[in-house]
């Protein structure tokens, strides 16, 4: 009986969250693999740091998905950034895993990069950066009215 009550409560909160996100950033939910939870995480991260969102690269750094060079000798490599907001990084990771499982273009990309010698971790790092690049304009558009209204108040 308790599980039914909790399930209904979760459903109610998910519906409320979906309505809120649909009100401020409906295009974000249209992106493949982006659900209400991941959209909320990304919007919260961006909303908490609007002064740091000067570019797509700044958003990627804020989310901790910008590559950090880890080259040695003739080998040019990049490693994961351990900094940034971990919740938004986790949200991007969730989007990437969803796309790897359900999006043919993403699977084709992963196969191509595997053939090039990239590891699964490197492929996921590249895909998280791609997703951050894809959602940044949508997030920036969603935050721009909020920034102007808060500046005038």
C-alpha atoms as a PDB file:
ATOM      1  CA  UNK A   1       0.000   0.000   0.000  1.00  0.00           C
ATOM      2  CA  UNK A   2       2.833   2.416   0.854  1.00  0.00           C
ATOM      3  CA  UNK A   3       4.492   1.811  -2.505  1.00  0.00           C
ATOM      4  CA  UNK A   4       1.302   2.780  -4.339  1.00  0.00           C
ATOM      5  CA  UNK A   5       1.084   6.018  -2.368  1.00  0.00           C
ATOM      6  CA  UNK A   6       4.725   6.860  -3.070  1.00  0.00           C
ATOM      7  CA  UNK A   7       4.371   5.975  -6.747  1.00  0.00           C
ATOM      8  CA  UNK A   8       1.419   8.328  -7.052  1.00  0.00           C
ATOM      9  CA  UNK A   9       3.343  11.063  -5.233  1.00  0.00           C
ATOM     10  CA  UNK A  10       6.298  10.624  -7.600  1.00  0.00           C
ATOM     11  CA  UNK A  11       3.978  10.829 -10.602  1.00  0.00           C
ATOM     12  CA  UNK A  12       2.424  14.026  -9.241  1.00  0.00           C
ATOM     13  CA  UNK A  13       5.836  15.653  -8.731  1.00  0.00           C
ATOM     14  CA  UNK A  14       7.035  14.546 -12.172  1.00  0.00           C
ATOM     15  CA  UNK A  15       3.951  16.088 -13.781  1.00  0.00           C
ATOM     16  CA  UNK A  16       4.479  19.345 -11.885  1.00  0.00           C
ATOM     17  CA  UNK A  17       8.152  19.419 -12.898  1.00  0.00           C
ATOM     18  CA  UNK A  18       7.247  18.760 -16.531  1.00  0.00           C
ATOM     19  CA  UNK A  19       4.757  21.641 -16.479  1.00  0.00           C
ATOM     20  CA  UNK A  20       7.337  24.014 -15.006  1.00  0.00           C
ATOM     21  CA  UNK A  21       9.979  23.074 -17.571  1.00  0.00           C
ATOM     22  CA  UNK A  22       7.461  23.223 -20.406  1.00  0.00           C
ATOM     23  CA  UNK A  23       6.658  26.749 -19.274  1.00  0.00           C
ATOM     24  CA  UNK A  24      10.234  28.021 -19.321  1.00  0.00           C
ATOM     25  CA  UNK A  25      12.152  25.783 -21.778  1.00  0.00           C
ATOM     26  CA  UNK A  26       9.815  23.617 -23.874  1.00  0.00           C
ATOM     27  CA  UNK A  27      12.426  23.059 -26.596  1.00  0.00           C
ATOM     28  CA  UNK A  28      14.718  21.414 -24.055  1.00  0.00           C
ATOM     29  CA  UNK A  29      12.291  18.547 -23.536  1.00  0.00           C
ATOM     30  CA  UNK A  30      12.129  18.035 -27.310  1.00  0.00           C
ATOM     31  CA  UNK A  31      15.791  17.004 -27.432  1.00  0.00           C
ATOM     32  CA  UNK A  32      16.279  13.252 -27.633  1.00  0.00           C
ATOM     33  CA  UNK A  33      17.124  11.746 -24.240  1.00  0.00           C
ATOM     34  CA  UNK A  34      16.339  14.873 -22.223  1.00  0.00           C
ATOM     35  CA  UNK A  35      13.606  14.271 -19.678  1.00  0.00           C
ATOM     36  CA  UNK A  36      12.177  16.489 -16.961  1.00  0.00           C
ATOM     37  CA  UNK A  37      14.799  15.471 -14.380  1.00  0.00           C
ATOM     38  CA  UNK A  38      17.804  16.095 -16.622  1.00  0.00           C
ATOM     39  CA  UNK A  39      16.312  19.320 -17.975  1.00  0.00           C
ATOM     40  CA  UNK A  40      15.745  20.564 -14.428  1.00  0.00           C
ATOM     41  CA  UNK A  41      19.353  19.795 -13.440  1.00  0.00           C
ATOM     42  CA  UNK A  42      20.728  21.660 -16.453  1.00  0.00           C
ATOM     43  CA  UNK A  43      18.432  24.648 -15.938  1.00  0.00           C
ATOM     44  CA  UNK A  44      19.290  24.857 -12.234  1.00  0.00           C
ATOM     45  CA  UNK A  45      23.018  24.789 -12.975  1.00  0.00           C
ATOM     46  CA  UNK A  46      22.687  27.511 -15.588  1.00  0.00           C
ATOM     47  CA  UNK A  47      20.276  29.555 -13.467  1.00  0.00           C
ATOM     48  CA  UNK A  48      22.575  29.462 -10.448  1.00  0.00           C
ATOM     49  CA  UNK A  49      25.469  30.825 -12.528  1.00  0.00           C
ATOM     50  CA  UNK A  50      24.039  33.149 -15.210  1.00  0.00           C
ATOM     51  CA  UNK A  51      27.057  35.464 -15.075  1.00  0.00           C
ATOM     52  CA  UNK A  52      29.331  32.560 -16.071  1.00  0.00           C
ATOM     53  CA  UNK A  53      27.378  31.657 -19.233  1.00  0.00           C
ATOM     54  CA  UNK A  54      29.257  33.789 -21.740  1.00  0.00           C
ATOM     55  CA  UNK A  55      29.691  30.999 -24.281  1.00  0.00           C
ATOM     56  CA  UNK A  56      28.991  27.371 -25.009  1.00  0.00           C
ATOM     57  CA  UNK A  57      32.505  26.533 -23.798  1.00  0.00           C
ATOM     58  CA  UNK A  58      31.796  28.262 -20.481  1.00  0.00           C
ATOM     59  CA  UNK A  59      28.620  26.185 -20.070  1.00  0.00           C
ATOM     60  CA  UNK A  60      30.603  23.015 -20.829  1.00  0.00           C
ATOM     61  CA  UNK A  61      33.178  23.975 -18.195  1.00  0.00           C
ATOM     62  CA  UNK A  62      30.390  24.747 -15.727  1.00  0.00           C
ATOM     63  CA  UNK A  63      29.015  21.239 -16.306  1.00  0.00           C
ATOM     64  CA  UNK A  64      32.484  19.690 -16.127  1.00  0.00           C
ATOM     65  CA  UNK A  65      32.437  18.283 -19.661  1.00  0.00           C
ATOM     66  CA  UNK A  66      35.199  20.360 -21.185  1.00  0.00           C
ATOM     67  CA  UNK A  67      38.227  18.245 -22.130  1.00  0.00           C
ATOM     68  CA  UNK A  68      41.474  18.670 -20.235  1.00  0.00           C
ATOM     69  CA  UNK A  69      44.634  17.907 -22.132  1.00  0.00           C
ATOM     70  CA  UNK A  70      46.532  14.893 -20.790  1.00  0.00           C
ATOM     71  CA  UNK A  71      49.080  14.361 -23.542  1.00  0.00           C
ATOM     72  CA  UNK A  72      52.375  12.603 -23.102  1.00  0.00           C
ATOM     73  CA  UNK A  73      55.116  12.504 -25.685  1.00  0.00           C
ATOM     74  CA  UNK A  74      53.668  11.978 -29.142  1.00  0.00           C
ATOM     75  CA  UNK A  75      50.326  10.774 -27.790  1.00  0.00           C
ATOM     76  CA  UNK A  76      47.700  13.506 -27.773  1.00  0.00           C
ATOM     77  CA  UNK A  77      44.898  12.665 -25.342  1.00  0.00           C
ATOM     78  CA  UNK A  78      42.267  14.471 -23.323  1.00  0.00           C
ATOM     79  CA  UNK A  79      40.861  13.369 -20.018  1.00  0.00           C
ATOM     80  CA  UNK A  80      37.643  13.994 -18.145  1.00  0.00           C
ATOM     81  CA  UNK A  81      37.288  17.176 -16.165  1.00  0.00           C
ATOM     82  CA  UNK A  82      36.629  16.317 -12.522  1.00  0.00           C
ATOM     83  CA  UNK A  83      35.455  19.846 -11.787  1.00  0.00           C
ATOM     84  CA  UNK A  84      32.203  21.544 -12.581  1.00  0.00           C
ATOM     85  CA  UNK A  85      28.729  20.868 -11.317  1.00  0.00           C
ATOM     86  CA  UNK A  86      28.433  17.124 -10.737  1.00  0.00           C
ATOM     87  CA  UNK A  87      24.626  17.034 -10.999  1.00  0.00           C
ATOM     88  CA  UNK A  88      24.624  18.629 -14.441  1.00  0.00           C
ATOM     89  CA  UNK A  89      27.487  16.357 -15.476  1.00  0.00           C
ATOM     90  CA  UNK A  90      25.427  13.391 -14.337  1.00  0.00           C
ATOM     91  CA  UNK A  91      22.411  14.723 -16.246  1.00  0.00           C
ATOM     92  CA  UNK A  92      24.465  14.938 -19.445  1.00  0.00           C
ATOM     93  CA  UNK A  93      25.755  11.411 -18.798  1.00  0.00           C
ATOM     94  CA  UNK A  94      22.157  10.179 -18.509  1.00  0.00           C
ATOM     95  CA  UNK A  95      21.265  11.830 -21.823  1.00  0.00           C
ATOM     96  CA  UNK A  96      24.287  10.224 -23.500  1.00  0.00           C
ATOM     97  CA  UNK A  97      23.461   6.754 -22.165  1.00  0.00           C
ATOM     98  CA  UNK A  98      19.868   7.119 -23.345  1.00  0.00           C
ATOM     99  CA  UNK A  99      21.040   8.155 -26.787  1.00  0.00           C
ATOM    100  CA  UNK A 100      23.574   5.327 -26.973  1.00  0.00           C
ATOM    101  CA  UNK A 101      20.780   2.874 -26.313  1.00  0.00           C
ATOM    102  CA  UNK A 102      18.040   4.370 -28.470  1.00  0.00           C
ATOM    103  CA  UNK A 103      19.424   6.787 -31.060  1.00  0.00           C
ATOM    104  CA  UNK A 104      20.862   5.268 -34.232  1.00  0.00           C
ATOM    105  CA  UNK A 105      22.984   8.331 -35.086  1.00  0.00           C
ATOM    106  CA  UNK A 106      24.650   8.176 -31.675  1.00  0.00           C
ATOM    107  CA  UNK A 107      25.305   4.444 -32.012  1.00  0.00           C
ATOM    108  CA  UNK A 108      26.820   4.990 -35.472  1.00  0.00           C
ATOM    109  CA  UNK A 109      29.042   7.719 -34.030  1.00  0.00           C
ATOM    110  CA  UNK A 110      30.175   5.414 -31.211  1.00  0.00           C
ATOM    111  CA  UNK A 111      30.992   2.620 -33.680  1.00  0.00           C
ATOM    112  CA  UNK A 112      32.966   5.015 -35.875  1.00  0.00           C
ATOM    113  CA  UNK A 113      34.935   6.364 -32.909  1.00  0.00           C
ATOM    114  CA  UNK A 114      35.572   2.831 -31.615  1.00  0.00           C
ATOM    115  CA  UNK A 115      37.023   1.944 -35.025  1.00  0.00           C
ATOM    116  CA  UNK A 116      39.284   4.993 -34.672  1.00  0.00           C
ATOM    117  CA  UNK A 117      40.659   3.519 -31.445  1.00  0.00           C
ATOM    118  CA  UNK A 118      38.758   5.566 -28.869  1.00  0.00           C
ATOM    119  CA  UNK A 119      37.747   3.939 -25.598  1.00  0.00           C
ATOM    120  CA  UNK A 120      34.156   3.934 -24.351  1.00  0.00           C
ATOM    121  CA  UNK A 121      35.034   6.558 -21.723  1.00  0.00           C
ATOM    122  CA  UNK A 122      36.520   8.827 -24.389  1.00  0.00           C
ATOM    123  CA  UNK A 123      33.454   8.408 -26.594  1.00  0.00           C
ATOM    124  CA  UNK A 124      31.128   9.263 -23.701  1.00  0.00           C
ATOM    125  CA  UNK A 125      33.260  12.327 -22.897  1.00  0.00           C
ATOM    126  CA  UNK A 126      32.943  13.512 -26.516  1.00  0.00           C
ATOM    127  CA  UNK A 127      29.202  12.878 -26.539  1.00  0.00           C
ATOM    128  CA  UNK A 128      28.638  14.771 -23.270  1.00  0.00           C
ATOM    129  CA  UNK A 129      30.432  17.739 -24.780  1.00  0.00           C
ATOM    130  CA  UNK A 130      28.258  17.447 -27.898  1.00  0.00           C
ATOM    131  CA  UNK A 131      25.059  17.369 -25.830  1.00  0.00           C
ATOM    132  CA  UNK A 132      26.211  20.413 -23.827  1.00  0.00           C
ATOM    133  CA  UNK A 133      26.848  22.223 -27.115  1.00  0.00           C
ATOM    134  CA  UNK A 134      23.399  21.200 -28.364  1.00  0.00           C
ATOM    135  CA  UNK A 135      21.393  22.308 -25.307  1.00  0.00           C
ATOM    136  CA  UNK A 136      23.298  25.521 -24.526  1.00  0.00           C
ATOM    137  CA  UNK A 137      21.375  27.790 -26.939  1.00  0.00           C
ATOM    138  CA  UNK A 138      18.069  26.446 -25.627  1.00  0.00           C
ATOM    139  CA  UNK A 139      19.095  27.047 -22.011  1.00  0.00           C
ATOM    140  CA  UNK A 140      20.437  30.499 -22.792  1.00  0.00           C
ATOM    141  CA  UNK A 141      17.166  31.389 -24.524  1.00  0.00           C
ATOM    142  CA  UNK A 142      15.193  30.118 -21.526  1.00  0.00           C
ATOM    143  CA  UNK A 143      17.253  32.184 -19.088  1.00  0.00           C
ATOM    144  CA  UNK A 144      17.378  35.440 -21.036  1.00  0.00           C
ATOM    145  CA  UNK A 145      13.877  36.679 -20.039  1.00  0.00           C
ATOM    146  CA  UNK A 146      14.578  35.782 -16.408  1.00  0.00           C
ATOM    147  CA  UNK A 147      17.834  37.737 -16.411  1.00  0.00           C
ATOM    148  CA  UNK A 148      16.255  40.860 -17.884  1.00  0.00           C
ATOM    149  CA  UNK A 149      13.273  40.786 -15.521  1.00  0.00           C
ATOM    150  CA  UNK A 150      15.473  40.272 -12.450  1.00  0.00           C
ATOM    151  CA  UNK A 151      17.754  43.123 -13.538  1.00  0.00           C
ATOM    152  CA  UNK A 152      14.838  45.558 -13.760  1.00  0.00           C
ATOM    153  CA  UNK A 153      13.351  44.605 -10.415  1.00  0.00           C
END
